[in-house]
Amino acid sequence: MAKSYTVLKRARISTKKFREILKYFSLDIEATKVAQLTGLNRNTVNKYLLLVRKRIAKECEMESPISGDI
């Protein structure tokens, strides 16, 4: 079954490029270096890294047993 990336809805980069960004993100490489390695614009890389971070934060909030309400 093909894996679906909800971050890539209406994306203008290929799934292959997005996987490269994720790989370098997981290796904790800076966005400017990721842009050089992938051949994408730095602003594009920053946009997708921000979306990934937001998705991670959302998943963490859903898994957390503690509510954010005080």
PDB file of N, CA and C in Angstrom:
ATOM      1  N   MET A   1       0.846  -1.179   0.000  1.00  0.00           N
ATOM      2  CA  MET A   1       0.000   0.000   0.000  1.00  0.00           C
ATOM      3  C   MET A   1       0.896   1.248   0.000  1.00  0.00           C
ATOM      4  N   ALA A   2       0.528   2.230  -0.765  1.00  0.00           N
ATOM      5  CA  ALA A   2       1.299   3.464  -0.852  1.00  0.00           C
ATOM      6  C   ALA A   2       1.085   4.291   0.407  1.00  0.00           C
ATOM      7  N   LYS A   3       2.177   4.882   0.902  1.00  0.00           N
ATOM      8  CA  LYS A   3       2.112   5.707   2.090  1.00  0.00           C
ATOM      9  C   LYS A   3       1.655   7.104   1.698  1.00  0.00           C
ATOM     10  N   SER A   4       0.723   7.649   2.458  1.00  0.00           N
ATOM     11  CA  SER A   4       0.197   8.974   2.167  1.00  0.00           C
ATOM     12  C   SER A   4       0.735   9.969   3.192  1.00  0.00           C
ATOM     13  N   TYR A   5       1.252  11.076   2.723  1.00  0.00           N
ATOM     14  CA  TYR A   5       1.749  12.122   3.596  1.00  0.00           C
ATOM     15  C   TYR A   5       0.758  13.276   3.568  1.00  0.00           C
ATOM     16  N   THR A   6       0.071  13.503   4.696  1.00  0.00           N
ATOM     17  CA  THR A   6      -0.913  14.572   4.735  1.00  0.00           C
ATOM     18  C   THR A   6      -0.252  15.939   4.663  1.00  0.00           C
ATOM     19  N   VAL A   7       1.013  16.032   5.020  1.00  0.00           N
ATOM     20  CA  VAL A   7       1.738  17.303   4.924  1.00  0.00           C
ATOM     21  C   VAL A   7       1.901  17.694   3.461  1.00  0.00           C
ATOM     22  N   LEU A   8       1.908  16.712   2.577  1.00  0.00           N
ATOM     23  CA  LEU A   8       2.153  16.967   1.164  1.00  0.00           C
ATOM     24  C   LEU A   8       0.904  17.267   0.338  1.00  0.00           C
ATOM     25  N   LYS A   9      -0.215  17.530   0.978  1.00  0.00           N
ATOM     26  CA  LYS A   9      -1.408  17.875   0.205  1.00  0.00           C
ATOM     27  C   LYS A   9      -1.134  19.117  -0.626  1.00  0.00           C
ATOM     28  N   ARG A  10      -1.387  19.021  -1.896  1.00  0.00           N
ATOM     29  CA  ARG A  10      -1.177  20.117  -2.847  1.00  0.00           C
ATOM     30  C   ARG A  10       0.260  20.624  -2.841  1.00  0.00           C
ATOM     31  N   ALA A  11       1.199  19.740  -2.581  1.00  0.00           N
ATOM     32  CA  ALA A  11       2.615  20.125  -2.541  1.00  0.00           C
ATOM     33  C   ALA A  11       3.168  20.277  -3.947  1.00  0.00           C
ATOM     34  N   ARG A  12       4.182  21.065  -4.043  1.00  0.00           N
ATOM     35  CA  ARG A  12       4.826  21.274  -5.343  1.00  0.00           C
ATOM     36  C   ARG A  12       6.185  20.598  -5.400  1.00  0.00           C
ATOM     37  N   ILE A  13       6.455  19.748  -4.396  1.00  0.00           N
ATOM     38  CA  ILE A  13       7.675  18.960  -4.440  1.00  0.00           C
ATOM     39  C   ILE A  13       7.292  17.485  -4.490  1.00  0.00           C
ATOM     40  N   SER A  14       8.197  16.695  -4.971  1.00  0.00           N
ATOM     41  CA  SER A  14       7.908  15.272  -5.096  1.00  0.00           C
ATOM     42  C   SER A  14       7.999  14.578  -3.735  1.00  0.00           C
ATOM     43  N   THR A  15       7.420  13.399  -3.666  1.00  0.00           N
ATOM     44  CA  THR A  15       7.491  12.603  -2.454  1.00  0.00           C
ATOM     45  C   THR A  15       8.941  12.244  -2.149  1.00  0.00           C
ATOM     46  N   LYS A  16       9.720  12.013  -3.182  1.00  0.00           N
ATOM     47  CA  LYS A  16      11.132  11.685  -3.006  1.00  0.00           C
ATOM     48  C   LYS A  16      11.872  12.832  -2.318  1.00  0.00           C
ATOM     49  N   LYS A  17      11.620  14.064  -2.756  1.00  0.00           N
ATOM     50  CA  LYS A  17      12.269  15.227  -2.147  1.00  0.00           C
ATOM     51  C   LYS A  17      11.810  15.394  -0.697  1.00  0.00           C
ATOM     52  N   PHE A  18      10.518  15.158  -0.440  1.00  0.00           N
ATOM     53  CA  PHE A  18      10.001  15.265   0.915  1.00  0.00           C
ATOM     54  C   PHE A  18      10.650  14.224   1.824  1.00  0.00           C
ATOM     55  N   ARG A  19      10.847  13.025   1.320  1.00  0.00           N
ATOM     56  CA  ARG A  19      11.516  11.985   2.103  1.00  0.00           C
ATOM     57  C   ARG A  19      12.957  12.367   2.397  1.00  0.00           C
ATOM     58  N   GLU A  20      13.608  13.023   1.442  1.00  0.00           N
ATOM     59  CA  GLU A  20      14.964  13.505   1.678  1.00  0.00           C
ATOM     60  C   GLU A  20      14.976  14.533   2.808  1.00  0.00           C
ATOM     61  N   ILE A  21      14.022  15.463   2.766  1.00  0.00           N
ATOM     62  CA  ILE A  21      13.915  16.476   3.820  1.00  0.00           C
ATOM     63  C   ILE A  21      13.711  15.801   5.167  1.00  0.00           C
ATOM     64  N   LEU A  22      12.824  14.811   5.230  1.00  0.00           N
ATOM     65  CA  LEU A  22      12.587  14.087   6.481  1.00  0.00           C
ATOM     66  C   LEU A  22      13.834  13.364   6.968  1.00  0.00           C
ATOM     67  N   LYS A  23      14.562  12.778   6.042  1.00  0.00           N
ATOM     68  CA  LYS A  23      15.792  12.067   6.405  1.00  0.00           C
ATOM     69  C   LYS A  23      16.790  13.027   7.048  1.00  0.00           C
ATOM     70  N   TYR A  24      16.996  14.170   6.425  1.00  0.00           N
ATOM     71  CA  TYR A  24      17.946  15.138   6.955  1.00  0.00           C
ATOM     72  C   TYR A  24      17.423  15.769   8.246  1.00  0.00           C
ATOM     73  N   PHE A  25      16.113  15.933   8.366  1.00  0.00           N
ATOM     74  CA  PHE A  25      15.495  16.436   9.600  1.00  0.00           C
ATOM     75  C   PHE A  25      15.787  15.470  10.745  1.00  0.00           C
ATOM     76  N   SER A  26      15.636  14.188  10.470  1.00  0.00           N
ATOM     77  CA  SER A  26      15.874  13.187  11.512  1.00  0.00           C
ATOM     78  C   SER A  26      17.351  13.103  11.900  1.00  0.00           C
ATOM     79  N   LEU A  27      18.237  13.502  10.997  1.00  0.00           N
ATOM     80  CA  LEU A  27      19.669  13.538  11.296  1.00  0.00           C
ATOM     81  C   LEU A  27      20.083  14.858  11.943  1.00  0.00           C
ATOM     82  N   ASP A  28      19.100  15.751  12.177  1.00  0.00           N
ATOM     83  CA  ASP A  28      19.309  17.038  12.834  1.00  0.00           C
ATOM     84  C   ASP A  28      20.273  17.936  12.059  1.00  0.00           C
ATOM     85  N   ILE A  29      20.067  18.009  10.753  1.00  0.00           N
ATOM     86  CA  ILE A  29      20.873  18.877   9.894  1.00  0.00           C
ATOM     87  C   ILE A  29      20.137  20.202   9.717  1.00  0.00           C
ATOM     88  N   GLU A  30      20.870  21.299   9.724  1.00  0.00           N
ATOM     89  CA  GLU A  30      20.280  22.638   9.604  1.00  0.00           C
ATOM     90  C   GLU A  30      19.562  22.813   8.270  1.00  0.00           C
ATOM     91  N   ALA A  31      18.578  23.700   8.266  1.00  0.00           N
ATOM     92  CA  ALA A  31      17.743  23.908   7.086  1.00  0.00           C
ATOM     93  C   ALA A  31      18.551  24.398   5.884  1.00  0.00           C
ATOM     94  N   THR A  32      19.522  25.255   6.111  1.00  0.00           N
ATOM     95  CA  THR A  32      20.319  25.751   4.986  1.00  0.00           C
ATOM     96  C   THR A  32      21.126  24.625   4.346  1.00  0.00           C
ATOM     97  N   LYS A  33      21.643  23.736   5.174  1.00  0.00           N
ATOM     98  CA  LYS A  33      22.397  22.593   4.660  1.00  0.00           C
ATOM     99  C   LYS A  33      21.455  21.620   3.949  1.00  0.00           C
ATOM    100  N   VAL A  34      20.237  21.430   4.482  1.00  0.00           N
ATOM    101  CA  VAL A  34      19.243  20.572   3.833  1.00  0.00           C
ATOM    102  C   VAL A  34      18.906  21.126   2.453  1.00  0.00           C
ATOM    103  N   ALA A  35      18.761  22.441   2.369  1.00  0.00           N
ATOM    104  CA  ALA A  35      18.455  23.079   1.092  1.00  0.00           C
ATOM    105  C   ALA A  35      19.577  22.823   0.078  1.00  0.00           C
ATOM    106  N   GLN A  36      20.808  22.904   0.519  1.00  0.00           N
ATOM    107  CA  GLN A  36      21.938  22.641  -0.376  1.00  0.00           C
ATOM    108  C   GLN A  36      21.953  21.185  -0.822  1.00  0.00           C
ATOM    109  N   LEU A  37      21.711  20.274   0.110  1.00  0.00           N
ATOM    110  CA  LEU A  37      21.761  18.843  -0.192  1.00  0.00           C
ATOM    111  C   LEU A  37      20.630  18.396  -1.123  1.00  0.00           C
ATOM    112  N   THR A  38      19.459  19.001  -0.969  1.00  0.00           N
ATOM    113  CA  THR A  38      18.304  18.590  -1.770  1.00  0.00           C
ATOM    114  C   THR A  38      18.149  19.398  -3.051  1.00  0.00           C
ATOM    115  N   GLY A  39      18.794  20.555  -3.120  1.00  0.00           N
ATOM    116  CA  GLY A  39      18.661  21.405  -4.302  1.00  0.00           C
ATOM    117  C   GLY A  39      17.387  22.221  -4.298  1.00  0.00           C
ATOM    118  N   LEU A  40      16.761  22.326  -3.135  1.00  0.00           N
ATOM    119  CA  LEU A  40      15.543  23.126  -3.005  1.00  0.00           C
ATOM    120  C   LEU A  40      15.885  24.485  -2.417  1.00  0.00           C
ATOM    121  N   ASN A  41      14.965  25.423  -2.562  1.00  0.00           N
ATOM    122  CA  ASN A  41      15.125  26.748  -1.991  1.00  0.00           C
ATOM    123  C   ASN A  41      15.040  26.646  -0.471  1.00  0.00           C
ATOM    124  N   ARG A  42      15.816  27.462   0.233  1.00  0.00           N
ATOM    125  CA  ARG A  42      15.833  27.461   1.687  1.00  0.00           C
ATOM    126  C   ARG A  42      14.462  27.746   2.274  1.00  0.00           C
ATOM    127  N   ASN A  43      13.713  28.672   1.661  1.00  0.00           N
ATOM    128  CA  ASN A  43      12.373  28.995   2.155  1.00  0.00           C
ATOM    129  C   ASN A  43      11.426  27.804   2.013  1.00  0.00           C
ATOM    130  N   THR A  44      11.568  27.053   0.949  1.00  0.00           N
ATOM    131  CA  THR A  44      10.750  25.857   0.745  1.00  0.00           C
ATOM    132  C   THR A  44      11.053  24.828   1.818  1.00  0.00           C
ATOM    133  N   VAL A  45      12.321  24.617   2.080  1.00  0.00           N
ATOM    134  CA  VAL A  45      12.727  23.658   3.115  1.00  0.00           C
ATOM    135  C   VAL A  45      12.199  24.109   4.468  1.00  0.00           C
ATOM    136  N   ASN A  46      12.330  25.392   4.781  1.00  0.00           N
ATOM    137  CA  ASN A  46      11.827  25.908   6.054  1.00  0.00           C
ATOM    138  C   ASN A  46      10.326  25.693   6.184  1.00  0.00           C
ATOM    139  N   LYS A  47       9.593  25.879   5.094  1.00  0.00           N
ATOM    140  CA  LYS A  47       8.144  25.694   5.123  1.00  0.00           C
ATOM    141  C   LYS A  47       7.779  24.253   5.466  1.00  0.00           C
ATOM    142  N   TYR A  48       8.434  23.313   4.835  1.00  0.00           N
ATOM    143  CA  TYR A  48       8.119  21.909   5.087  1.00  0.00           C
ATOM    144  C   TYR A  48       8.606  21.449   6.457  1.00  0.00           C
ATOM    145  N   LEU A  49       9.729  21.964   6.917  1.00  0.00           N
ATOM    146  CA  LEU A  49      10.191  21.623   8.257  1.00  0.00           C
ATOM    147  C   LEU A  49       9.231  22.155   9.315  1.00  0.00           C
ATOM    148  N   LEU A  50       8.695  23.337   9.092  1.00  0.00           N
ATOM    149  CA  LEU A  50       7.710  23.890  10.018  1.00  0.00           C
ATOM    150  C   LEU A  50       6.459  23.017  10.052  1.00  0.00           C
ATOM    151  N   LEU A  51       5.997  22.572   8.886  1.00  0.00           N
ATOM    152  CA  LEU A  51       4.827  21.698   8.839  1.00  0.00           C
ATOM    153  C   LEU A  51       5.081  20.374   9.562  1.00  0.00           C
ATOM    154  N   VAL A  52       6.275  19.845   9.424  1.00  0.00           N
ATOM    155  CA  VAL A  52       6.629  18.596  10.105  1.00  0.00           C
ATOM    156  C   VAL A  52       6.637  18.814  11.615  1.00  0.00           C
ATOM    157  N   ARG A  53       7.237  19.909  12.056  1.00  0.00           N
ATOM    158  CA  ARG A  53       7.277  20.199  13.498  1.00  0.00           C
ATOM    159  C   ARG A  53       5.879  20.382  14.073  1.00  0.00           C
ATOM    160  N   LYS A  54       5.017  21.073  13.332  1.00  0.00           N
ATOM    161  CA  LYS A  54       3.632  21.258  13.794  1.00  0.00           C
ATOM    162  C   LYS A  54       2.912  19.922  13.899  1.00  0.00           C
ATOM    163  N   ARG A  55       3.151  19.041  12.940  1.00  0.00           N
ATOM    164  CA  ARG A  55       2.513  17.721  12.952  1.00  0.00           C
ATOM    165  C   ARG A  55       3.008  16.895  14.140  1.00  0.00           C
ATOM    166  N   ILE A  56       4.295  16.978  14.434  1.00  0.00           N
ATOM    167  CA  ILE A  56       4.854  16.271  15.581  1.00  0.00           C
ATOM    168  C   ILE A  56       4.243  16.807  16.876  1.00  0.00           C
ATOM    169  N   ALA A  57       4.147  18.133  16.992  1.00  0.00           N
ATOM    170  CA  ALA A  57       3.564  18.744  18.186  1.00  0.00           C
ATOM    171  C   ALA A  57       2.106  18.322  18.356  1.00  0.00           C
ATOM    172  N   LYS A  58       1.371  18.269  17.259  1.00  0.00           N
ATOM    173  CA  LYS A  58      -0.041  17.865  17.314  1.00  0.00           C
ATOM    174  C   LYS A  58      -0.164  16.421  17.799  1.00  0.00           C
ATOM    175  N   GLU A  59       0.670  15.546  17.279  1.00  0.00           N
ATOM    176  CA  GLU A  59       0.645  14.141  17.699  1.00  0.00           C
ATOM    177  C   GLU A  59       1.024  14.000  19.172  1.00  0.00           C
ATOM    178  N   CYS A  60       1.992  14.778  19.623  1.00  0.00           N
ATOM    179  CA  CYS A  60       2.402  14.730  21.033  1.00  0.00           C
ATOM    180  C   CYS A  60       1.279  15.205  21.947  1.00  0.00           C
ATOM    181  N   GLU A  61       0.573  16.238  21.536  1.00  0.00           N
ATOM    182  CA  GLU A  61      -0.551  16.733  22.333  1.00  0.00           C
ATOM    183  C   GLU A  61      -1.658  15.696  22.439  1.00  0.00           C
ATOM    184  N   MET A  62      -1.906  14.983  21.352  1.00  0.00           N
ATOM    185  CA  MET A  62      -2.960  13.969  21.363  1.00  0.00           C
ATOM    186  C   MET A  62      -2.570  12.792  22.261  1.00  0.00           C
ATOM    187  N   GLU A  63      -1.284  12.462  22.327  1.00  0.00           N
ATOM    188  CA  GLU A  63      -0.807  11.329  23.117  1.00  0.00           C
ATOM    189  C   GLU A  63      -0.600  11.675  24.591  1.00  0.00           C
ATOM    190  N   SER A  64      -0.509  12.955  24.895  1.00  0.00           N
ATOM    191  CA  SER A  64      -0.209  13.385  26.257  1.00  0.00           C
ATOM    192  C   SER A  64      -1.393  13.111  27.184  1.00  0.00           C
ATOM    193  N   PRO A  65      -1.136  12.538  28.364  1.00  0.00           N
ATOM    194  CA  PRO A  65      -2.220  12.303  29.309  1.00  0.00           C
ATOM    195  C   PRO A  65      -2.630  13.568  30.040  1.00  0.00           C
ATOM    196  N   ILE A  66      -1.820  14.607  29.937  1.00  0.00           N
ATOM    197  CA  ILE A  66      -2.094  15.864  30.621  1.00  0.00           C
ATOM    198  C   ILE A  66      -2.723  16.841  29.650  1.00  0.00           C
ATOM    199  N   SER A  67      -3.839  17.422  30.051  1.00  0.00           N
ATOM    200  CA  SER A  67      -4.515  18.394  29.204  1.00  0.00           C
ATOM    201  C   SER A  67      -3.829  19.741  29.330  1.00  0.00           C
ATOM    202  N   GLY A  68      -3.898  20.556  28.287  1.00  0.00           N
ATOM    203  CA  GLY A  68      -3.312  21.877  28.300  1.00  0.00           C
ATOM    204  C   GLY A  68      -4.142  22.891  29.069  1.00  0.00           C
ATOM    205  N   ASP A  69      -5.361  22.519  29.448  1.00  0.00           N
ATOM    206  CA  ASP A  69      -6.249  23.435  30.183  1.00  0.00           C
ATOM    207  C   ASP A  69      -5.843  23.508  31.645  1.00  0.00           C
ATOM    208  N   ILE A  70      -5.817  24.722  32.162  1.00  0.00           N
ATOM    209  CA  ILE A  70      -5.487  24.897  33.588  1.00  0.00           C
ATOM    210  C   ILE A  70      -6.702  25.420  34.302  1.00  0.00           C
TER     211      ILE A  70
END
